[in-house]
Amino acid sequence: KDDGINAVRIPVTWRDHLDKDNNIDSDWMDRVQEVVDYAYSLDM
């Protein structure tokens, strides 16, 4: 943000974090949200 960047793309791969019913592992989803929040909280 200090560098002038106000938009970030956070690519996410889900295939190693799914159970047999295609439920996303809660720890992985939590971490994705945490990283998203790093940028989102800065109005990016």
ModelCIF file with pLDDT and N, C-alpha, C, O atoms, coordinates in Angstrom:
data_MODEL
#
_entry.id   MODEL 
#
_entity.id                         1 
_entity.type                       polymer 
_entity.pdbx_number_of_molecules   1 
#
_entity_poly.entity_id                      1 
_entity_poly.type                           'polypeptide(L)' 
_entity_poly.nstd_linkage                   no 
_entity_poly.nstd_monomer                   no 
_entity_poly.pdbx_seq_one_letter_code       KDDGINAVRIPVTWRDHLDKDNNIDSDWMDRVQEVVDYAYSLDM 
_entity_poly.pdbx_seq_one_letter_code_can   KDDGINAVRIPVTWRDHLDKDNNIDSDWMDRVQEVVDYAYSLDM 
_entity_poly.pdbx_strand_id                 A 
#
loop_
_entity_poly_seq.entity_id 
_entity_poly_seq.num 
_entity_poly_seq.mon_id 
_entity_poly_seq.hetero 
1 1  LYS n 
1 2  ASP n 
1 3  ASP n 
1 4  GLY n 
1 5  ILE n 
1 6  ASN n 
1 7  ALA n 
1 8  VAL n 
1 9  ARG n 
1 10 ILE n 
1 11 PRO n 
1 12 VAL n 
1 13 THR n 
1 14 TRP n 
1 15 ARG n 
1 16 ASP n 
1 17 HIS n 
1 18 LEU n 
1 19 ASP n 
1 20 LYS n 
1 21 ASP n 
1 22 ASN n 
1 23 ASN n 
1 24 ILE n 
1 25 ASP n 
1 26 SER n 
1 27 ASP n 
1 28 TRP n 
1 29 MET n 
1 30 ASP n 
1 31 ARG n 
1 32 VAL n 
1 33 GLN n 
1 34 GLU n 
1 35 VAL n 
1 36 VAL n 
1 37 ASP n 
1 38 TYR n 
1 39 ALA n 
1 40 TYR n 
1 41 SER n 
1 42 LEU n 
1 43 ASP n 
1 44 MET n 
#
_struct_asym.id          A 
_struct_asym.entity_id   1 
#
loop_
_ma_qa_metric.id 
_ma_qa_metric.mode 
_ma_qa_metric.name 
_ma_qa_metric.software_group_id 
_ma_qa_metric.type 
1 global pLDDT . pLDDT 
2 local  pLDDT . pLDDT 
#
_ma_qa_metric_global.metric_id      1 
_ma_qa_metric_global.metric_value   97.86 
_ma_qa_metric_global.model_id       1 
_ma_qa_metric_global.ordinal_id     1 
#
loop_
_ma_qa_metric_local.label_asym_id 
_ma_qa_metric_local.label_comp_id 
_ma_qa_metric_local.label_seq_id 
_ma_qa_metric_local.metric_id 
_ma_qa_metric_local.metric_value 
_ma_qa_metric_local.model_id 
_ma_qa_metric_local.ordinal_id 
A LYS 1  2 98.00 1 1  
A ASP 2  2 98.00 1 2  
A ASP 3  2 98.00 1 3  
A GLY 4  2 98.00 1 4  
A ILE 5  2 98.00 1 5  
A ASN 6  2 98.00 1 6  
A ALA 7  2 98.00 1 7  
A VAL 8  2 98.00 1 8  
A ARG 9  2 99.00 1 9  
A ILE 10 2 99.00 1 10 
A PRO 11 2 98.00 1 11 
A VAL 12 2 98.00 1 12 
A THR 13 2 98.00 1 13 
A TRP 14 2 98.00 1 14 
A ARG 15 2 98.00 1 15 
A ASP 16 2 98.00 1 16 
A HIS 17 2 98.00 1 17 
A LEU 18 2 98.00 1 18 
A ASP 19 2 97.00 1 19 
A LYS 20 2 97.00 1 20 
A ASP 21 2 98.00 1 21 
A ASN 22 2 98.00 1 22 
A ASN 23 2 98.00 1 23 
A ILE 24 2 98.00 1 24 
A ASP 25 2 98.00 1 25 
A SER 26 2 98.00 1 26 
A ASP 27 2 98.00 1 27 
A TRP 28 2 98.00 1 28 
A MET 29 2 98.00 1 29 
A ASP 30 2 98.00 1 30 
A ARG 31 2 98.00 1 31 
A VAL 32 2 98.00 1 32 
A GLN 33 2 98.00 1 33 
A GLU 34 2 98.00 1 34 
A VAL 35 2 98.00 1 35 
A VAL 36 2 98.00 1 36 
A ASP 37 2 98.00 1 37 
A TYR 38 2 98.00 1 38 
A ALA 39 2 98.00 1 39 
A TYR 40 2 97.00 1 40 
A SER 41 2 97.00 1 41 
A LEU 42 2 97.00 1 42 
A ASP 43 2 96.00 1 43 
A MET 44 2 97.00 1 44 
#
loop_
_atom_site.group_PDB 
_atom_site.id 
_atom_site.type_symbol 
_atom_site.label_atom_id 
_atom_site.label_alt_id 
_atom_site.label_comp_id 
_atom_site.label_asym_id 
_atom_site.label_entity_id 
_atom_site.label_seq_id 
_atom_site.pdbx_PDB_ins_code 
_atom_site.Cartn_x 
_atom_site.Cartn_y 
_atom_site.Cartn_z 
_atom_site.occupancy 
_atom_site.B_iso_or_equiv 
_atom_site.pdbx_formal_charge 
_atom_site.auth_seq_id 
_atom_site.auth_comp_id 
_atom_site.auth_asym_id 
_atom_site.auth_atom_id 
_atom_site.pdbx_PDB_model_num 
ATOM 1   N N  . LYS A 1 1  ? 0.840   -1.211  0.000  1.00 98.00 ? 1  LYS A N  1 
ATOM 2   C CA . LYS A 1 1  ? 0.000   0.000   0.000  1.00 98.00 ? 1  LYS A CA 1 
ATOM 3   C C  . LYS A 1 1  ? 0.870   1.255   0.000  1.00 98.00 ? 1  LYS A C  1 
ATOM 4   O O  . LYS A 1 1  ? 0.560   2.225   -0.691 1.00 98.00 ? 1  LYS A O  1 
ATOM 5   N N  . ASP A 1 2  ? 1.939   1.240   0.759  1.00 98.00 ? 2  ASP A N  1 
ATOM 6   C CA . ASP A 1 2  ? 2.861   2.381   0.780  1.00 98.00 ? 2  ASP A CA 1 
ATOM 7   C C  . ASP A 1 2  ? 3.510   2.605   -0.586 1.00 98.00 ? 2  ASP A C  1 
ATOM 8   O O  . ASP A 1 2  ? 3.855   3.733   -0.938 1.00 98.00 ? 2  ASP A O  1 
ATOM 9   N N  . ASP A 1 3  ? 3.672   1.534   -1.346 1.00 98.00 ? 3  ASP A N  1 
ATOM 10  C CA . ASP A 1 3  ? 4.273   1.636   -2.675 1.00 98.00 ? 3  ASP A CA 1 
ATOM 11  C C  . ASP A 1 3  ? 3.310   2.203   -3.717 1.00 98.00 ? 3  ASP A C  1 
ATOM 12  O O  . ASP A 1 3  ? 3.715   2.491   -4.844 1.00 98.00 ? 3  ASP A O  1 
ATOM 13  N N  . GLY A 1 4  ? 2.049   2.363   -3.351 1.00 98.00 ? 4  GLY A N  1 
ATOM 14  C CA . GLY A 1 4  ? 1.065   2.893   -4.281 1.00 98.00 ? 4  GLY A CA 1 
ATOM 15  C C  . GLY A 1 4  ? 0.156   1.848   -4.873 1.00 98.00 ? 4  GLY A C  1 
ATOM 16  O O  . GLY A 1 4  ? -0.693  2.166   -5.705 1.00 98.00 ? 4  GLY A O  1 
ATOM 17  N N  . ILE A 1 5  ? 0.315   0.600   -4.460 1.00 98.00 ? 5  ILE A N  1 
ATOM 18  C CA . ILE A 1 5  ? -0.529  -0.493  -4.948 1.00 98.00 ? 5  ILE A CA 1 
ATOM 19  C C  . ILE A 1 5  ? -1.828  -0.504  -4.143 1.00 98.00 ? 5  ILE A C  1 
ATOM 20  O O  . ILE A 1 5  ? -1.799  -0.556  -2.914 1.00 98.00 ? 5  ILE A O  1 
ATOM 21  N N  . ASN A 1 6  ? -2.957  -0.455  -4.831 1.00 98.00 ? 6  ASN A N  1 
ATOM 22  C CA . ASN A 1 6  ? -4.233  -0.465  -4.104 1.00 98.00 ? 6  ASN A CA 1 
ATOM 23  C C  . ASN A 1 6  ? -5.100  -1.659  -4.493 1.00 98.00 ? 6  ASN A C  1 
ATOM 24  O O  . ASN A 1 6  ? -6.287  -1.709  -4.171 1.00 98.00 ? 6  ASN A O  1 
ATOM 25  N N  . ALA A 1 7  ? -4.489  -2.622  -5.192 1.00 98.00 ? 7  ALA A N  1 
ATOM 26  C CA . ALA A 1 7  ? -5.237  -3.807  -5.616 1.00 98.00 ? 7  ALA A CA 1 
ATOM 27  C C  . ALA A 1 7  ? -4.303  -5.003  -5.635 1.00 98.00 ? 7  ALA A C  1 
ATOM 28  O O  . ALA A 1 7  ? -3.204  -4.930  -6.184 1.00 98.00 ? 7  ALA A O  1 
ATOM 29  N N  . VAL A 1 8  ? -4.738  -6.106  -5.036 1.00 98.00 ? 8  VAL A N  1 
ATOM 30  C CA . VAL A 1 8  ? -3.919  -7.315  -5.027 1.00 98.00 ? 8  VAL A CA 1 
ATOM 31  C C  . VAL A 1 8  ? -4.760  -8.510  -5.463 1.00 98.00 ? 8  VAL A C  1 
ATOM 32  O O  . VAL A 1 8  ? -5.947  -8.607  -5.152 1.00 98.00 ? 8  VAL A O  1 
ATOM 33  N N  . ARG A 1 9  ? -4.123  -9.398  -6.176 1.00 99.00 ? 9  ARG A N  1 
ATOM 34  C CA . ARG A 1 9  ? -4.754  -10.667 -6.557 1.00 99.00 ? 9  ARG A CA 1 
ATOM 35  C C  . ARG A 1 9  ? -4.120  -11.748 -5.688 1.00 99.00 ? 9  ARG A C  1 
ATOM 36  O O  . ARG A 1 9  ? -2.900  -11.902 -5.645 1.00 99.00 ? 9  ARG A O  1 
ATOM 37  N N  . ILE A 1 10 ? -4.979  -12.488 -5.000 1.00 99.00 ? 10 ILE A N  1 
ATOM 38  C CA . ILE A 1 10 ? -4.508  -13.542 -4.099 1.00 99.00 ? 10 ILE A CA 1 
ATOM 39  C C  . ILE A 1 10 ? -4.977  -14.872 -4.660 1.00 99.00 ? 10 ILE A C  1 
ATOM 40  O O  . ILE A 1 10 ? -6.065  -15.332 -4.314 1.00 99.00 ? 10 ILE A O  1 
ATOM 41  N N  . PRO A 1 11 ? -4.178  -15.504 -5.523 1.00 98.00 ? 11 PRO A N  1 
ATOM 42  C CA . PRO A 1 11 ? -4.573  -16.795 -6.096 1.00 98.00 ? 11 PRO A CA 1 
ATOM 43  C C  . PRO A 1 11 ? -4.687  -17.852 -5.000 1.00 98.00 ? 11 PRO A C  1 
ATOM 44  O O  . PRO A 1 11 ? -3.868  -17.900 -4.083 1.00 98.00 ? 11 PRO A O  1 
ATOM 45  N N  . VAL A 1 12 ? -5.709  -18.696 -5.106 1.00 98.00 ? 12 VAL A N  1 
ATOM 46  C CA . VAL A 1 12 ? -5.934  -19.742 -4.097 1.00 98.00 ? 12 VAL A CA 1 
ATOM 47  C C  . VAL A 1 12 ? -6.198  -21.073 -4.791 1.00 98.00 ? 12 VAL A C  1 
ATOM 48  O O  . VAL A 1 12 ? -7.032  -21.158 -5.693 1.00 98.00 ? 12 VAL A O  1 
ATOM 49  N N  . THR A 1 13 ? -5.486  -22.102 -4.366 1.00 98.00 ? 13 THR A N  1 
ATOM 50  C CA . THR A 1 13 ? -5.731  -23.464 -4.841 1.00 98.00 ? 13 THR A CA 1 
ATOM 51  C C  . THR A 1 13 ? -6.383  -24.257 -3.716 1.00 98.00 ? 13 THR A C  1 
ATOM 52  O O  . THR A 1 13 ? -5.932  -24.221 -2.571 1.00 98.00 ? 13 THR A O  1 
ATOM 53  N N  . TRP A 1 14 ? -7.441  -24.967 -4.057 1.00 98.00 ? 14 TRP A N  1 
ATOM 54  C CA . TRP A 1 14 ? -8.274  -25.618 -3.044 1.00 98.00 ? 14 TRP A CA 1 
ATOM 55  C C  . TRP A 1 14 ? -8.126  -27.136 -3.031 1.00 98.00 ? 14 TRP A C  1 
ATOM 56  O O  . TRP A 1 14 ? -8.576  -27.781 -2.084 1.00 98.00 ? 14 TRP A O  1 
ATOM 57  N N  . ARG A 1 15 ? -7.517  -27.717 -4.041 1.00 98.00 ? 15 ARG A N  1 
ATOM 58  C CA . ARG A 1 15 ? -7.593  -29.156 -4.278 1.00 98.00 ? 15 ARG A CA 1 
ATOM 59  C C  . ARG A 1 15 ? -6.976  -30.016 -3.174 1.00 98.00 ? 15 ARG A C  1 
ATOM 60  O O  . ARG A 1 15 ? -7.406  -31.155 -2.993 1.00 98.00 ? 15 ARG A O  1 
ATOM 61  N N  . ASP A 1 16 ? -5.989  -29.519 -2.432 1.00 98.00 ? 16 ASP A N  1 
ATOM 62  C CA . ASP A 1 16 ? -5.387  -30.296 -1.344 1.00 98.00 ? 16 ASP A CA 1 
ATOM 63  C C  . ASP A 1 16 ? -6.080  -30.063 -0.013 1.00 98.00 ? 16 ASP A C  1 
ATOM 64  O O  . ASP A 1 16 ? -5.593  -30.517 1.023  1.00 98.00 ? 16 ASP A O  1 
ATOM 65  N N  . HIS A 1 17 ? -7.209  -29.364 -0.021 1.00 98.00 ? 17 HIS A N  1 
ATOM 66  C CA . HIS A 1 17 ? -7.873  -28.968 1.222  1.00 98.00 ? 17 HIS A CA 1 
ATOM 67  C C  . HIS A 1 17 ? -9.352  -29.340 1.214  1.00 98.00 ? 17 HIS A C  1 
ATOM 68  O O  . HIS A 1 17 ? -10.164 -28.690 1.871  1.00 98.00 ? 17 HIS A O  1 
ATOM 69  N N  . LEU A 1 18 ? -9.699  -30.392 0.467  1.00 98.00 ? 18 LEU A N  1 
ATOM 70  C CA . LEU A 1 18 ? -11.080 -30.839 0.345  1.00 98.00 ? 18 LEU A CA 1 
ATOM 71  C C  . LEU A 1 18 ? -11.245 -32.244 0.898  1.00 98.00 ? 18 LEU A C  1 
ATOM 72  O O  . LEU A 1 18 ? -10.370 -33.089 0.710  1.00 98.00 ? 18 LEU A O  1 
ATOM 73  N N  . ASP A 1 19 ? -12.361 -32.505 1.582  1.00 97.00 ? 19 ASP A N  1 
ATOM 74  C CA . ASP A 1 19 ? -12.636 -33.871 1.995  1.00 97.00 ? 19 ASP A CA 1 
ATOM 75  C C  . ASP A 1 19 ? -13.436 -34.563 0.893  1.00 97.00 ? 19 ASP A C  1 
ATOM 76  O O  . ASP A 1 19 ? -13.653 -33.987 -0.172 1.00 97.00 ? 19 ASP A O  1 
ATOM 77  N N  . LYS A 1 20 ? -13.866 -35.769 1.142  1.00 97.00 ? 20 LYS A N  1 
ATOM 78  C CA . LYS A 1 20 ? -14.544 -36.556 0.103  1.00 97.00 ? 20 LYS A CA 1 
ATOM 79  C C  . LYS A 1 20 ? -15.872 -35.933 -0.313 1.00 97.00 ? 20 LYS A C  1 
ATOM 80  O O  . LYS A 1 20 ? -16.390 -36.238 -1.388 1.00 97.00 ? 20 LYS A O  1 
ATOM 81  N N  . ASP A 1 21 ? -16.427 -35.064 0.528  1.00 98.00 ? 21 ASP A N  1 
ATOM 82  C CA . ASP A 1 21 ? -17.680 -34.406 0.209  1.00 98.00 ? 21 ASP A CA 1 
ATOM 83  C C  . ASP A 1 21 ? -17.461 -32.976 -0.294 1.00 98.00 ? 21 ASP A C  1 
ATOM 84  O O  . ASP A 1 21 ? -18.394 -32.176 -0.361 1.00 98.00 ? 21 ASP A O  1 
ATOM 85  N N  . ASN A 1 22 ? -16.223 -32.677 -0.639 1.00 98.00 ? 22 ASN A N  1 
ATOM 86  C CA . ASN A 1 22 ? -15.849 -31.352 -1.166 1.00 98.00 ? 22 ASN A CA 1 
ATOM 87  C C  . ASN A 1 22 ? -15.993 -30.225 -0.155 1.00 98.00 ? 22 ASN A C  1 
ATOM 88  O O  . ASN A 1 22 ? -16.171 -29.065 -0.526 1.00 98.00 ? 22 ASN A O  1 
ATOM 89  N N  . ASN A 1 23 ? -15.914 -30.574 1.123  1.00 98.00 ? 23 ASN A N  1 
ATOM 90  C CA . ASN A 1 23 ? -15.885 -29.541 2.156  1.00 98.00 ? 23 ASN A CA 1 
ATOM 91  C C  . ASN A 1 23 ? -14.467 -29.012 2.300  1.00 98.00 ? 23 ASN A C  1 
ATOM 92  O O  . ASN A 1 23 ? -13.517 -29.792 2.366  1.00 98.00 ? 23 ASN A O  1 
ATOM 93  N N  . ILE A 1 24 ? -14.317 -27.697 2.349  1.00 98.00 ? 24 ILE A N  1 
ATOM 94  C CA . ILE A 1 24 ? -12.998 -27.084 2.493  1.00 98.00 ? 24 ILE A CA 1 
ATOM 95  C C  . ILE A 1 24 ? -12.549 -27.171 3.944  1.00 98.00 ? 24 ILE A C  1 
ATOM 96  O O  . ILE A 1 24 ? -13.311 -26.868 4.862  1.00 98.00 ? 24 ILE A O  1 
ATOM 97  N N  . ASP A 1 25 ? -11.301 -27.591 4.137  1.00 98.00 ? 25 ASP A N  1 
ATOM 98  C CA . ASP A 1 25 ? -10.727 -27.664 5.476  1.00 98.00 ? 25 ASP A CA 1 
ATOM 99  C C  . ASP A 1 25 ? -10.852 -26.309 6.176  1.00 98.00 ? 25 ASP A C  1 
ATOM 100 O O  . ASP A 1 25 ? -10.500 -25.277 5.603  1.00 98.00 ? 25 ASP A O  1 
ATOM 101 N N  . SER A 1 26 ? -11.347 -26.314 7.400  1.00 98.00 ? 26 SER A N  1 
ATOM 102 C CA . SER A 1 26 ? -11.622 -25.050 8.094  1.00 98.00 ? 26 SER A CA 1 
ATOM 103 C C  . SER A 1 26 ? -10.354 -24.242 8.344  1.00 98.00 ? 26 SER A C  1 
ATOM 104 O O  . SER A 1 26 ? -10.383 -23.013 8.274  1.00 98.00 ? 26 SER A O  1 
ATOM 105 N N  . ASP A 1 27 ? -9.234  -24.917 8.636  1.00 98.00 ? 27 ASP A N  1 
ATOM 106 C CA . ASP A 1 27 ? -7.986  -24.192 8.867  1.00 98.00 ? 27 ASP A CA 1 
ATOM 107 C C  . ASP A 1 27 ? -7.534  -23.456 7.611  1.00 98.00 ? 27 ASP A C  1 
ATOM 108 O O  . ASP A 1 27 ? -7.036  -22.332 7.681  1.00 98.00 ? 27 ASP A O  1 
ATOM 109 N N  . TRP A 1 28 ? -7.714  -24.107 6.453  1.00 98.00 ? 28 TRP A N  1 
ATOM 110 C CA . TRP A 1 28 ? -7.321  -23.470 5.198  1.00 98.00 ? 28 TRP A CA 1 
ATOM 111 C C  . TRP A 1 28 ? -8.219  -22.275 4.885  1.00 98.00 ? 28 TRP A C  1 
ATOM 112 O O  . TRP A 1 28 ? -7.730  -21.209 4.512  1.00 98.00 ? 28 TRP A O  1 
ATOM 113 N N  . MET A 1 29 ? -9.513  -22.449 5.034  1.00 98.00 ? 29 MET A N  1 
ATOM 114 C CA . MET A 1 29 ? -10.423 -21.342 4.785  1.00 98.00 ? 29 MET A CA 1 
ATOM 115 C C  . MET A 1 29 ? -10.141 -20.178 5.727  1.00 98.00 ? 29 MET A C  1 
ATOM 116 O O  . MET A 1 29 ? -10.176 -19.019 5.314  1.00 98.00 ? 29 MET A O  1 
ATOM 117 N N  . ASP A 1 30 ? -9.862  -20.482 6.990  1.00 98.00 ? 30 ASP A N  1 
ATOM 118 C CA . ASP A 1 30 ? -9.537  -19.424 7.947  1.00 98.00 ? 30 ASP A CA 1 
ATOM 119 C C  . ASP A 1 30 ? -8.284  -18.667 7.520  1.00 98.00 ? 30 ASP A C  1 
ATOM 120 O O  . ASP A 1 30 ? -8.220  -17.442 7.626  1.00 98.00 ? 30 ASP A O  1 
ATOM 121 N N  . ARG A 1 31 ? -7.290  -19.408 7.036  1.00 98.00 ? 31 ARG A N  1 
ATOM 122 C CA . ARG A 1 31 ? -6.044  -18.758 6.627  1.00 98.00 ? 31 ARG A CA 1 
ATOM 123 C C  . ARG A 1 31 ? -6.257  -17.898 5.374  1.00 98.00 ? 31 ARG A C  1 
ATOM 124 O O  . ARG A 1 31 ? -5.725  -16.791 5.280  1.00 98.00 ? 31 ARG A O  1 
ATOM 125 N N  . VAL A 1 32 ? -7.022  -18.400 4.432  1.00 98.00 ? 32 VAL A N  1 
ATOM 126 C CA . VAL A 1 32 ? -7.340  -17.597 3.244  1.00 98.00 ? 32 VAL A CA 1 
ATOM 127 C C  . VAL A 1 32 ? -8.012  -16.296 3.679  1.00 98.00 ? 32 VAL A C  1 
ATOM 128 O O  . VAL A 1 32 ? -7.655  -15.222 3.195  1.00 98.00 ? 32 VAL A O  1 
ATOM 129 N N  . GLN A 1 33 ? -8.974  -16.388 4.581  1.00 98.00 ? 33 GLN A N  1 
ATOM 130 C CA . GLN A 1 33 ? -9.658  -15.182 5.042  1.00 98.00 ? 33 GLN A CA 1 
ATOM 131 C C  . GLN A 1 33 ? -8.696  -14.237 5.764  1.00 98.00 ? 33 GLN A C  1 
ATOM 132 O O  . GLN A 1 33 ? -8.777  -13.019 5.600  1.00 98.00 ? 33 GLN A O  1 
ATOM 133 N N  . GLU A 1 34 ? -7.795  -14.794 6.555  1.00 98.00 ? 34 GLU A N  1 
ATOM 134 C CA . GLU A 1 34 ? -6.835  -13.966 7.276  1.00 98.00 ? 34 GLU A CA 1 
ATOM 135 C C  . GLU A 1 34 ? -5.966  -13.156 6.303  1.00 98.00 ? 34 GLU A C  1 
ATOM 136 O O  . GLU A 1 34 ? -5.736  -11.965 6.514  1.00 98.00 ? 34 GLU A O  1 
ATOM 137 N N  . VAL A 1 35 ? -5.494  -13.804 5.250  1.00 98.00 ? 35 VAL A N  1 
ATOM 138 C CA . VAL A 1 35 ? -4.651  -13.113 4.282  1.00 98.00 ? 35 VAL A CA 1 
ATOM 139 C C  . VAL A 1 35 ? -5.462  -12.085 3.494  1.00 98.00 ? 35 VAL A C  1 
ATOM 140 O O  . VAL A 1 35 ? -4.991  -10.976 3.245  1.00 98.00 ? 35 VAL A O  1 
ATOM 141 N N  . VAL A 1 36 ? -6.674  -12.455 3.105  1.00 98.00 ? 36 VAL A N  1 
ATOM 142 C CA . VAL A 1 36 ? -7.550  -11.488 2.442  1.00 98.00 ? 36 VAL A CA 1 
ATOM 143 C C  . VAL A 1 36 ? -7.723  -10.255 3.326  1.00 98.00 ? 36 VAL A C  1 
ATOM 144 O O  . VAL A 1 36 ? -7.668  -9.126  2.838  1.00 98.00 ? 36 VAL A O  1 
ATOM 145 N N  . ASP A 1 37 ? -7.930  -10.469 4.616  1.00 98.00 ? 37 ASP A N  1 
ATOM 146 C CA . ASP A 1 37 ? -8.156  -9.353  5.536  1.00 98.00 ? 37 ASP A CA 1 
ATOM 147 C C  . ASP A 1 37 ? -6.941  -8.442  5.672  1.00 98.00 ? 37 ASP A C  1 
ATOM 148 O O  . ASP A 1 37 ? -7.087  -7.248  5.931  1.00 98.00 ? 37 ASP A O  1 
ATOM 149 N N  . TYR A 1 38 ? -5.741  -8.998  5.499  1.00 98.00 ? 38 TYR A N  1 
ATOM 150 C CA . TYR A 1 38 ? -4.552  -8.153  5.539  1.00 98.00 ? 38 TYR A CA 1 
ATOM 151 C C  . TYR A 1 38 ? -4.680  -7.002  4.542  1.00 98.00 ? 38 TYR A C  1 
ATOM 152 O O  . TYR A 1 38 ? -4.369  -5.853  4.857  1.00 98.00 ? 38 TYR A O  1 
ATOM 153 N N  . ALA A 1 39 ? -5.140  -7.328  3.346  1.00 98.00 ? 39 ALA A N  1 
ATOM 154 C CA . ALA A 1 39 ? -5.272  -6.312  2.293  1.00 98.00 ? 39 ALA A CA 1 
ATOM 155 C C  . ALA A 1 39 ? -6.591  -5.555  2.399  1.00 98.00 ? 39 ALA A C  1 
ATOM 156 O O  . ALA A 1 39 ? -6.621  -4.331  2.279  1.00 98.00 ? 39 ALA A O  1 
ATOM 157 N N  . TYR A 1 40 ? -7.670  -6.280  2.622  1.00 97.00 ? 40 TYR A N  1 
ATOM 158 C CA . TYR A 1 40 ? -9.010  -5.682  2.669  1.00 97.00 ? 40 TYR A CA 1 
ATOM 159 C C  . TYR A 1 40 ? -9.095  -4.615  3.758  1.00 97.00 ? 40 TYR A C  1 
ATOM 160 O O  . TYR A 1 40 ? -9.740  -3.584  3.567  1.00 97.00 ? 40 TYR A O  1 
ATOM 161 N N  . SER A 1 41 ? -8.448  -4.857  4.898  1.00 97.00 ? 41 SER A N  1 
ATOM 162 C CA . SER A 1 41 ? -8.486  -3.906  6.009  1.00 97.00 ? 41 SER A CA 1 
ATOM 163 C C  . SER A 1 41 ? -7.749  -2.612  5.680  1.00 97.00 ? 41 SER A C  1 
ATOM 164 O O  . SER A 1 41 ? -7.901  -1.607  6.374  1.00 97.00 ? 41 SER A O  1 
ATOM 165 N N  . LEU A 1 42 ? -6.950  -2.645  4.617  1.00 97.00 ? 42 LEU A N  1 
ATOM 166 C CA . LEU A 1 42 ? -6.230  -1.453  4.177  1.00 97.00 ? 42 LEU A CA 1 
ATOM 167 C C  . LEU A 1 42 ? -6.962  -0.735  3.049  1.00 97.00 ? 42 LEU A C  1 
ATOM 168 O O  . LEU A 1 42 ? -6.391  0.133   2.388  1.00 97.00 ? 42 LEU A O  1 
ATOM 169 N N  . ASP A 1 43 ? -8.220  -1.094  2.830  1.00 96.00 ? 43 ASP A N  1 
ATOM 170 C CA . ASP A 1 43 ? -9.037  -0.515  1.761  1.00 96.00 ? 43 ASP A CA 1 
ATOM 171 C C  . ASP A 1 43 ? -8.488  -0.829  0.376  1.00 96.00 ? 43 ASP A C  1 
ATOM 172 O O  . ASP A 1 43 ? -8.669  -0.050  -0.561 1.00 96.00 ? 43 ASP A O  1 
ATOM 173 N N  . MET A 1 44 ? -7.822  -1.963  0.249  1.00 97.00 ? 44 MET A N  1 
ATOM 174 C CA . MET A 1 44 ? -7.330  -2.389  -1.055 1.00 97.00 ? 44 MET A CA 1 
ATOM 175 C C  . MET A 1 44 ? -8.386  -3.250  -1.737 1.00 97.00 ? 44 MET A C  1 
ATOM 176 O O  . MET A 1 44 ? -8.173  -3.717  -2.856 1.00 97.00 ? 44 MET A O  1 
#
